[in-house]
Amino acid sequence: MQITIDLSNEVYERLQRQAQAKSVSVSEIAAQLLEEAEANRRAAVFEQMRAEGILLPKKPAQPGDRASFKPIEVRGRPVSEILIEERR
């Protein structure tokens, strides 16, 4: 998919300088900047939701969280198979 973005000459020249400094094309640097802007916007929305109490505060990861995980064995068919079958 292609899109066209209207930029002033000044902004385009800044993008060109950034692209040259990173040895990438202008479209690649623009895509990177757009992805960063979207990630920042999403983070700001989540932070606002936490501030309003809509989302719980993010808990810092504990070093042993994954190491202490022990899956339990269950009998029967895998749930994924059952769900696929029921959706047919």
PDB file of N, CA and C in Angstrom:
ATOM      1  N   MET A   1       0.851  -1.174   0.000  1.00  0.00           N
ATOM      2  CA  MET A   1       0.000   0.000   0.000  1.00  0.00           C
ATOM      3  C   MET A   1       0.892   1.231   0.000  1.00  0.00           C
ATOM      4  N   GLN A   2       0.533   2.179  -0.798  1.00  0.00           N
ATOM      5  CA  GLN A   2       1.284   3.423  -0.852  1.00  0.00           C
ATOM      6  C   GLN A   2       0.392   4.572  -0.422  1.00  0.00           C
ATOM      7  N   ILE A   3       1.001   5.510   0.290  1.00  0.00           N
ATOM      8  CA  ILE A   3       0.296   6.734   0.651  1.00  0.00           C
ATOM      9  C   ILE A   3       1.185   7.916   0.280  1.00  0.00           C
ATOM     10  N   THR A   4       0.570   9.045   0.111  1.00  0.00           N
ATOM     11  CA  THR A   4       1.302  10.263  -0.192  1.00  0.00           C
ATOM     12  C   THR A   4       1.140  11.218   0.979  1.00  0.00           C
ATOM     13  N   ILE A   5       2.258  11.762   1.420  1.00  0.00           N
ATOM     14  CA  ILE A   5       2.240  12.711   2.536  1.00  0.00           C
ATOM     15  C   ILE A   5       2.745  14.048   2.010  1.00  0.00           C
ATOM     16  N   ASP A   6       1.974  15.079   2.227  1.00  0.00           N
ATOM     17  CA  ASP A   6       2.372  16.432   1.836  1.00  0.00           C
ATOM     18  C   ASP A   6       3.296  17.010   2.903  1.00  0.00           C
ATOM     19  N   LEU A   7       4.536  17.314   2.528  1.00  0.00           N
ATOM     20  CA  LEU A   7       5.504  17.859   3.476  1.00  0.00           C
ATOM     21  C   LEU A   7       6.067  19.163   2.934  1.00  0.00           C
ATOM     22  N   SER A   8       6.414  20.043   3.847  1.00  0.00           N
ATOM     23  CA  SER A   8       7.107  21.258   3.414  1.00  0.00           C
ATOM     24  C   SER A   8       8.526  20.874   2.996  1.00  0.00           C
ATOM     25  N   ASN A   9       9.161  21.717   2.220  1.00  0.00           N
ATOM     26  CA  ASN A   9      10.538  21.444   1.794  1.00  0.00           C
ATOM     27  C   ASN A   9      11.467  21.299   2.994  1.00  0.00           C
ATOM     28  N   GLU A  10      11.252  22.122   3.999  1.00  0.00           N
ATOM     29  CA  GLU A  10      12.094  22.077   5.201  1.00  0.00           C
ATOM     30  C   GLU A  10      11.996  20.720   5.899  1.00  0.00           C
ATOM     31  N   VAL A  11      10.777  20.221   6.058  1.00  0.00           N
ATOM     32  CA  VAL A  11      10.580  18.931   6.719  1.00  0.00           C
ATOM     33  C   VAL A  11      11.184  17.810   5.877  1.00  0.00           C
ATOM     34  N   TYR A  12      10.978  17.870   4.565  1.00  0.00           N
ATOM     35  CA  TYR A  12      11.528  16.838   3.682  1.00  0.00           C
ATOM     36  C   TYR A  12      13.057  16.834   3.743  1.00  0.00           C
ATOM     37  N   GLU A  13      13.663  17.998   3.783  1.00  0.00           N
ATOM     38  CA  GLU A  13      15.118  18.075   3.870  1.00  0.00           C
ATOM     39  C   GLU A  13      15.632  17.497   5.185  1.00  0.00           C
ATOM     40  N   ARG A  14      14.888  17.746   6.273  1.00  0.00           N
ATOM     41  CA  ARG A  14      15.273  17.151   7.561  1.00  0.00           C
ATOM     42  C   ARG A  14      15.192  15.631   7.494  1.00  0.00           C
ATOM     43  N   LEU A  15      14.142  15.116   6.851  1.00  0.00           N
ATOM     44  CA  LEU A  15      14.006  13.670   6.683  1.00  0.00           C
ATOM     45  C   LEU A  15      15.153  13.114   5.844  1.00  0.00           C
ATOM     46  N   GLN A  16      15.515  13.833   4.794  1.00  0.00           N
ATOM     47  CA  GLN A  16      16.632  13.397   3.958  1.00  0.00           C
ATOM     48  C   GLN A  16      17.925  13.312   4.759  1.00  0.00           C
ATOM     49  N   ARG A  17      18.190  14.325   5.592  1.00  0.00           N
ATOM     50  CA  ARG A  17      19.405  14.316   6.410  1.00  0.00           C
ATOM     51  C   ARG A  17      19.398  13.138   7.384  1.00  0.00           C
ATOM     52  N   GLN A  18      18.251  12.897   8.015  1.00  0.00           N
ATOM     53  CA  GLN A  18      18.149  11.766   8.944  1.00  0.00           C
ATOM     54  C   GLN A  18      18.349  10.445   8.213  1.00  0.00           C
ATOM     55  N   ALA A  19      17.757  10.334   7.038  1.00  0.00           N
ATOM     56  CA  ALA A  19      17.878   9.105   6.254  1.00  0.00           C
ATOM     57  C   ALA A  19      19.325   8.876   5.837  1.00  0.00           C
ATOM     58  N   GLN A  20      19.992   9.913   5.395  1.00  0.00           N
ATOM     59  CA  GLN A  20      21.387   9.778   4.991  1.00  0.00           C
ATOM     60  C   GLN A  20      22.266   9.389   6.174  1.00  0.00           C
ATOM     61  N   ALA A  21      21.995   9.966   7.333  1.00  0.00           N
ATOM     62  CA  ALA A  21      22.784   9.660   8.525  1.00  0.00           C
ATOM     63  C   ALA A  21      22.636   8.189   8.925  1.00  0.00           C
ATOM     64  N   LYS A  22      21.467   7.598   8.649  1.00  0.00           N
ATOM     65  CA  LYS A  22      21.216   6.199   9.009  1.00  0.00           C
ATOM     66  C   LYS A  22      21.363   5.251   7.819  1.00  0.00           C
ATOM     67  N   SER A  23      21.744   5.798   6.676  1.00  0.00           N
ATOM     68  CA  SER A  23      21.915   5.004   5.446  1.00  0.00           C
ATOM     69  C   SER A  23      20.648   4.238   5.058  1.00  0.00           C
ATOM     70  N   VAL A  24      19.527   4.919   5.131  1.00  0.00           N
ATOM     71  CA  VAL A  24      18.248   4.347   4.698  1.00  0.00           C
ATOM     72  C   VAL A  24      17.564   5.344   3.776  1.00  0.00           C
ATOM     73  N   SER A  25      16.460   4.917   3.171  1.00  0.00           N
ATOM     74  CA  SER A  25      15.724   5.814   2.285  1.00  0.00           C
ATOM     75  C   SER A  25      14.829   6.748   3.103  1.00  0.00           C
ATOM     76  N   VAL A  26      14.373   7.796   2.447  1.00  0.00           N
ATOM     77  CA  VAL A  26      13.473   8.751   3.107  1.00  0.00           C
ATOM     78  C   VAL A  26      12.181   8.050   3.512  1.00  0.00           C
ATOM     79  N   SER A  27      11.676   7.168   2.652  1.00  0.00           N
ATOM     80  CA  SER A  27      10.426   6.468   2.996  1.00  0.00           C
ATOM     81  C   SER A  27      10.627   5.550   4.202  1.00  0.00           C
ATOM     82  N   GLU A  28      11.808   4.931   4.323  1.00  0.00           N
ATOM     83  CA  GLU A  28      12.068   4.076   5.484  1.00  0.00           C
ATOM     84  C   GLU A  28      12.141   4.896   6.767  1.00  0.00           C
ATOM     85  N   ILE A  29      12.801   6.042   6.712  1.00  0.00           N
ATOM     86  CA  ILE A  29      12.903   6.880   7.917  1.00  0.00           C
ATOM     87  C   ILE A  29      11.526   7.421   8.287  1.00  0.00           C
ATOM     88  N   ALA A  30      10.724   7.759   7.275  1.00  0.00           N
ATOM     89  CA  ALA A  30       9.361   8.242   7.548  1.00  0.00           C
ATOM     90  C   ALA A  30       8.529   7.136   8.195  1.00  0.00           C
ATOM     91  N   ALA A  31       8.666   5.909   7.696  1.00  0.00           N
ATOM     92  CA  ALA A  31       7.928   4.781   8.282  1.00  0.00           C
ATOM     93  C   ALA A  31       8.357   4.548   9.730  1.00  0.00           C
ATOM     94  N   GLN A  32       9.671   4.624  10.003  1.00  0.00           N
ATOM     95  CA  GLN A  32      10.163   4.457  11.372  1.00  0.00           C
ATOM     96  C   GLN A  32       9.590   5.523  12.297  1.00  0.00           C
ATOM     97  N   LEU A  33       9.597   6.770  11.829  1.00  0.00           N
ATOM     98  CA  LEU A  33       9.079   7.865  12.645  1.00  0.00           C
ATOM     99  C   LEU A  33       7.585   7.715  12.895  1.00  0.00           C
ATOM    100  N   LEU A  34       6.840   7.272  11.880  1.00  0.00           N
ATOM    101  CA  LEU A  34       5.405   7.057  12.060  1.00  0.00           C
ATOM    102  C   LEU A  34       5.135   5.923  13.051  1.00  0.00           C
ATOM    103  N   GLU A  35       5.922   4.856  12.971  1.00  0.00           N
ATOM    104  CA  GLU A  35       5.768   3.749  13.922  1.00  0.00           C
ATOM    105  C   GLU A  35       6.075   4.202  15.346  1.00  0.00           C
ATOM    106  N   GLU A  36       7.132   4.994  15.510  1.00  0.00           N
ATOM    107  CA  GLU A  36       7.474   5.520  16.837  1.00  0.00           C
ATOM    108  C   GLU A  36       6.363   6.417  17.373  1.00  0.00           C
ATOM    109  N   ALA A  37       5.823   7.262  16.506  1.00  0.00           N
ATOM    110  CA  ALA A  37       4.748   8.170  16.918  1.00  0.00           C
ATOM    111  C   ALA A  37       3.517   7.377  17.345  1.00  0.00           C
ATOM    112  N   GLU A  38       3.195   6.314  16.604  1.00  0.00           N
ATOM    113  CA  GLU A  38       2.044   5.476  16.958  1.00  0.00           C
ATOM    114  C   GLU A  38       2.278   4.763  18.279  1.00  0.00           C
ATOM    115  N   ALA A  39       3.484   4.248  18.494  1.00  0.00           N
ATOM    116  CA  ALA A  39       3.806   3.575  19.755  1.00  0.00           C
ATOM    117  C   ALA A  39       3.712   4.558  20.926  1.00  0.00           C
ATOM    118  N   ASN A  40       4.199   5.773  20.732  1.00  0.00           N
ATOM    119  CA  ASN A  40       4.128   6.795  21.787  1.00  0.00           C
ATOM    120  C   ASN A  40       2.686   7.180  22.073  1.00  0.00           C
ATOM    121  N   ARG A  41       1.872   7.293  21.013  1.00  0.00           N
ATOM    122  CA  ARG A  41       0.458   7.631  21.195  1.00  0.00           C
ATOM    123  C   ARG A  41      -0.258   6.532  21.971  1.00  0.00           C
ATOM    124  N   ARG A  42       0.030   5.284  21.612  1.00  0.00           N
ATOM    125  CA  ARG A  42      -0.591   4.151  22.291  1.00  0.00           C
ATOM    126  C   ARG A  42      -0.179   4.124  23.764  1.00  0.00           C
ATOM    127  N   ALA A  43       1.102   4.368  24.034  1.00  0.00           N
ATOM    128  CA  ALA A  43       1.585   4.383  25.421  1.00  0.00           C
ATOM    129  C   ALA A  43       0.913   5.493  26.217  1.00  0.00           C
ATOM    130  N   ALA A  44       0.711   6.653  25.590  1.00  0.00           N
ATOM    131  CA  ALA A  44       0.056   7.769  26.271  1.00  0.00           C
ATOM    132  C   ALA A  44      -1.404   7.428  26.590  1.00  0.00           C
ATOM    133  N   VAL A  45      -2.071   6.735  25.669  1.00  0.00           N
ATOM    134  CA  VAL A  45      -3.463   6.332  25.902  1.00  0.00           C
ATOM    135  C   VAL A  45      -3.536   5.359  27.068  1.00  0.00           C
ATOM    136  N   PHE A  46      -2.631   4.366  27.084  1.00  0.00           N
ATOM    137  CA  PHE A  46      -2.622   3.411  28.190  1.00  0.00           C
ATOM    138  C   PHE A  46      -2.335   4.101  29.515  1.00  0.00           C
ATOM    139  N   GLU A  47      -1.400   5.039  29.515  1.00  0.00           N
ATOM    140  CA  GLU A  47      -1.069   5.770  30.745  1.00  0.00           C
ATOM    141  C   GLU A  47      -2.272   6.576  31.231  1.00  0.00           C
ATOM    142  N   GLN A  48      -2.978   7.211  30.305  1.00  0.00           N
ATOM    143  CA  GLN A  48      -4.177   7.977  30.666  1.00  0.00           C
ATOM    144  C   GLN A  48      -5.238   7.047  31.248  1.00  0.00           C
ATOM    145  N   MET A  49      -5.398   5.868  30.642  1.00  0.00           N
ATOM    146  CA  MET A  49      -6.382   4.907  31.153  1.00  0.00           C
ATOM    147  C   MET A  49      -6.002   4.426  32.550  1.00  0.00           C
ATOM    148  N   ARG A  50      -4.697   4.246  32.790  1.00  0.00           N
ATOM    149  CA  ARG A  50      -4.259   3.862  34.141  1.00  0.00           C
ATOM    150  C   ARG A  50      -4.537   4.982  35.127  1.00  0.00           C
ATOM    151  N   ALA A  51      -4.292   6.219  34.706  1.00  0.00           N
ATOM    152  CA  ALA A  51      -4.523   7.376  35.576  1.00  0.00           C
ATOM    153  C   ALA A  51      -5.998   7.501  35.938  1.00  0.00           C
ATOM    154  N   GLU A  52      -6.871   7.132  35.008  1.00  0.00           N
ATOM    155  CA  GLU A  52      -8.319   7.218  35.260  1.00  0.00           C
ATOM    156  C   GLU A  52      -8.867   5.982  35.959  1.00  0.00           C
ATOM    157  N   GLY A  53      -8.003   4.995  36.197  1.00  0.00           N
ATOM    158  CA  GLY A  53      -8.441   3.789  36.893  1.00  0.00           C
ATOM    159  C   GLY A  53      -9.105   2.766  35.987  1.00  0.00           C
ATOM    160  N   ILE A  54      -9.047   2.973  34.684  1.00  0.00           N
ATOM    161  CA  ILE A  54      -9.651   2.031  33.745  1.00  0.00           C
ATOM    162  C   ILE A  54      -8.767   0.791  33.598  1.00  0.00           C
ATOM    163  N   LEU A  55      -7.464   0.985  33.631  1.00  0.00           N
ATOM    164  CA  LEU A  55      -6.500  -0.113  33.592  1.00  0.00           C
ATOM    165  C   LEU A  55      -5.743  -0.149  34.909  1.00  0.00           C
ATOM    166  N   LEU A  56      -5.377  -1.343  35.330  1.00  0.00           N
ATOM    167  CA  LEU A  56      -4.567  -1.465  36.532  1.00  0.00           C
ATOM    168  C   LEU A  56      -3.146  -1.000  36.236  1.00  0.00           C
ATOM    169  N   PRO A  57      -2.449  -0.496  37.247  1.00  0.00           N
ATOM    170  CA  PRO A  57      -1.063  -0.082  37.034  1.00  0.00           C
ATOM    171  C   PRO A  57      -0.217  -1.267  36.573  1.00  0.00           C
ATOM    172  N   LYS A  58       0.749  -0.970  35.754  1.00  0.00           N
ATOM    173  CA  LYS A  58       1.645  -1.990  35.231  1.00  0.00           C
ATOM    174  C   LYS A  58       2.580  -2.446  36.343  1.00  0.00           C
ATOM    175  N   LYS A  59       2.635  -3.753  36.588  1.00  0.00           N
ATOM    176  CA  LYS A  59       3.533  -4.293  37.603  1.00  0.00           C
ATOM    177  C   LYS A  59       4.890  -4.537  36.978  1.00  0.00           C
ATOM    178  N   PRO A  60       5.963  -4.145  37.663  1.00  0.00           N
ATOM    179  CA  PRO A  60       7.293  -4.437  37.118  1.00  0.00           C
ATOM    180  C   PRO A  60       7.534  -5.948  37.094  1.00  0.00           C
ATOM    181  N   ALA A  61       8.183  -6.412  36.064  1.00  0.00           N
ATOM    182  CA  ALA A  61       8.481  -7.842  35.947  1.00  0.00           C
ATOM    183  C   ALA A  61       9.469  -8.257  37.027  1.00  0.00           C
ATOM    184  N   GLN A  62       9.191  -9.360  37.646  1.00  0.00           N
ATOM    185  CA  GLN A  62      10.082  -9.902  38.661  1.00  0.00           C
ATOM    186  C   GLN A  62      11.050 -10.873  37.993  1.00  0.00           C
ATOM    187  N   PRO A  63      12.301 -10.900  38.431  1.00  0.00           N
ATOM    188  CA  PRO A  63      13.296 -11.764  37.782  1.00  0.00           C
ATOM    189  C   PRO A  63      12.901 -13.236  37.716  1.00  0.00           C
ATOM    190  N   GLY A  64      12.227 -13.750  38.725  1.00  0.00           N
ATOM    191  CA  GLY A  64      11.892 -15.175  38.754  1.00  0.00           C
ATOM    192  C   GLY A  64      10.502 -15.510  38.260  1.00  0.00           C
ATOM    193  N   ASP A  65       9.772 -14.532  37.708  1.00  0.00           N
ATOM    194  CA  ASP A  65       8.388 -14.780  37.288  1.00  0.00           C
ATOM    195  C   ASP A  65       8.268 -15.962  36.332  1.00  0.00           C
ATOM    196  N   ARG A  66       9.045 -15.954  35.293  1.00  0.00           N
ATOM    197  CA  ARG A  66       8.950 -17.026  34.289  1.00  0.00           C
ATOM    198  C   ARG A  66       9.619 -18.306  34.782  1.00  0.00           C
ATOM    199  N   ALA A  67      10.662 -18.174  35.573  1.00  0.00           N
ATOM    200  CA  ALA A  67      11.383 -19.358  36.040  1.00  0.00           C
ATOM    201  C   ALA A  67      10.520 -20.196  36.976  1.00  0.00           C
ATOM    202  N   SER A  68       9.629 -19.566  37.724  1.00  0.00           N
ATOM    203  CA  SER A  68       8.815 -20.302  38.684  1.00  0.00           C
ATOM    204  C   SER A  68       7.560 -20.903  38.049  1.00  0.00           C
ATOM    205  N   PHE A  69       7.325 -20.632  36.759  1.00  0.00           N
ATOM    206  CA  PHE A  69       6.139 -21.162  36.080  1.00  0.00           C
ATOM    207  C   PHE A  69       6.293 -22.660  35.867  1.00  0.00           C
ATOM    208  N   LYS A  70       5.289 -23.409  36.333  1.00  0.00           N
ATOM    209  CA  LYS A  70       5.284 -24.853  36.133  1.00  0.00           C
ATOM    210  C   LYS A  70       3.918 -25.234  35.550  1.00  0.00           C
ATOM    211  N   PRO A  71       3.891 -25.629  34.274  1.00  0.00           N
ATOM    212  CA  PRO A  71       2.610 -25.989  33.677  1.00  0.00           C
ATOM    213  C   PRO A  71       2.060 -27.251  34.333  1.00  0.00           C
ATOM    214  N   ILE A  72       0.750 -27.360  34.365  1.00  0.00           N
ATOM    215  CA  ILE A  72       0.126 -28.553  34.936  1.00  0.00           C
ATOM    216  C   ILE A  72      -0.333 -29.453  33.790  1.00  0.00           C
ATOM    217  N   GLU A  73      -0.304 -30.733  34.022  1.00  0.00           N
ATOM    218  CA  GLU A  73      -0.760 -31.672  33.015  1.00  0.00           C
ATOM    219  C   GLU A  73      -2.238 -31.951  33.233  1.00  0.00           C
ATOM    220  N   VAL A  74      -2.957 -31.969  32.144  1.00  0.00           N
ATOM    221  CA  VAL A  74      -4.393 -32.267  32.207  1.00  0.00           C
ATOM    222  C   VAL A  74      -4.688 -33.407  31.241  1.00  0.00           C
ATOM    223  N   ARG A  75      -5.780 -34.112  31.516  1.00  0.00           N
ATOM    224  CA  ARG A  75      -6.178 -35.213  30.649  1.00  0.00           C
ATOM    225  C   ARG A  75      -7.143 -34.703  29.591  1.00  0.00           C
ATOM    226  N   GLY A  76      -7.222 -35.409  28.506  1.00  0.00           N
ATOM    227  CA  GLY A  76      -8.168 -35.055  27.462  1.00  0.00           C
ATOM    228  C   GLY A  76      -7.492 -34.380  26.282  1.00  0.00           C
ATOM    229  N   ARG A  77      -8.336 -33.979  25.344  1.00  0.00           N
ATOM    230  CA  ARG A  77      -7.834 -33.342  24.131  1.00  0.00           C
ATOM    231  C   ARG A  77      -7.440 -31.897  24.419  1.00  0.00           C
ATOM    232  N   PRO A  78      -6.509 -31.356  23.629  1.00  0.00           N
ATOM    233  CA  PRO A  78      -6.140 -29.952  23.798  1.00  0.00           C
ATOM    234  C   PRO A  78      -7.333 -29.038  23.519  1.00  0.00           C
ATOM    235  N   VAL A  79      -7.442 -27.984  24.289  1.00  0.00           N
ATOM    236  CA  VAL A  79      -8.549 -27.042  24.136  1.00  0.00           C
ATOM    237  C   VAL A  79      -8.562 -26.452  22.733  1.00  0.00           C
ATOM    238  N   SER A  80      -7.396 -26.214  22.148  1.00  0.00           N
ATOM    239  CA  SER A  80      -7.344 -25.634  20.811  1.00  0.00           C
ATOM    240  C   SER A  80      -8.053 -26.530  19.804  1.00  0.00           C
ATOM    241  N   GLU A  81      -7.897 -27.860  19.932  1.00  0.00           N
ATOM    242  CA  GLU A  81      -8.589 -28.779  19.026  1.00  0.00           C
ATOM    243  C   GLU A  81     -10.098 -28.712  19.221  1.00  0.00           C
ATOM    244  N   ILE A  82     -10.526 -28.649  20.457  1.00  0.00           N
ATOM    245  CA  ILE A  82     -11.957 -28.588  20.753  1.00  0.00           C
ATOM    246  C   ILE A  82     -12.566 -27.314  20.174  1.00  0.00           C
ATOM    247  N   LEU A  83     -11.878 -26.186  20.336  1.00  0.00           N
ATOM    248  CA  LEU A  83     -12.388 -24.921  19.807  1.00  0.00           C
ATOM    249  C   LEU A  83     -12.478 -24.938  18.288  1.00  0.00           C
ATOM    250  N   ILE A  84     -11.463 -25.466  17.644  1.00  0.00           N
ATOM    251  CA  ILE A  84     -11.494 -25.546  16.179  1.00  0.00           C
ATOM    252  C   ILE A  84     -12.663 -26.399  15.723  1.00  0.00           C
ATOM    253  N   GLU A  85     -12.865 -27.522  16.395  1.00  0.00           N
ATOM    254  CA  GLU A  85     -13.960 -28.421  16.043  1.00  0.00           C
ATOM    255  C   GLU A  85     -15.322 -27.750  16.232  1.00  0.00           C
ATOM    256  N   GLU A  86     -15.491 -27.016  17.332  1.00  0.00           N
ATOM    257  CA  GLU A  86     -16.773 -26.374  17.614  1.00  0.00           C
ATOM    258  C   GLU A  86     -17.067 -25.212  16.653  1.00  0.00           C
ATOM    259  N   ARG A  87     -16.051 -24.628  16.094  1.00  0.00           N
ATOM    260  CA  ARG A  87     -16.254 -23.511  15.183  1.00  0.00           C
ATOM    261  C   ARG A  87     -16.665 -23.974  13.793  1.00  0.00           C
ATOM    262  N   ARG A  88     -16.532 -25.239  13.507  1.00  0.00           N
ATOM    263  CA  ARG A  88     -16.889 -25.750  12.183  1.00  0.00           C
ATOM    264  C   ARG A  88     -18.359 -25.960  12.036  1.00  0.00           C
TER     265      ARG A  88
END
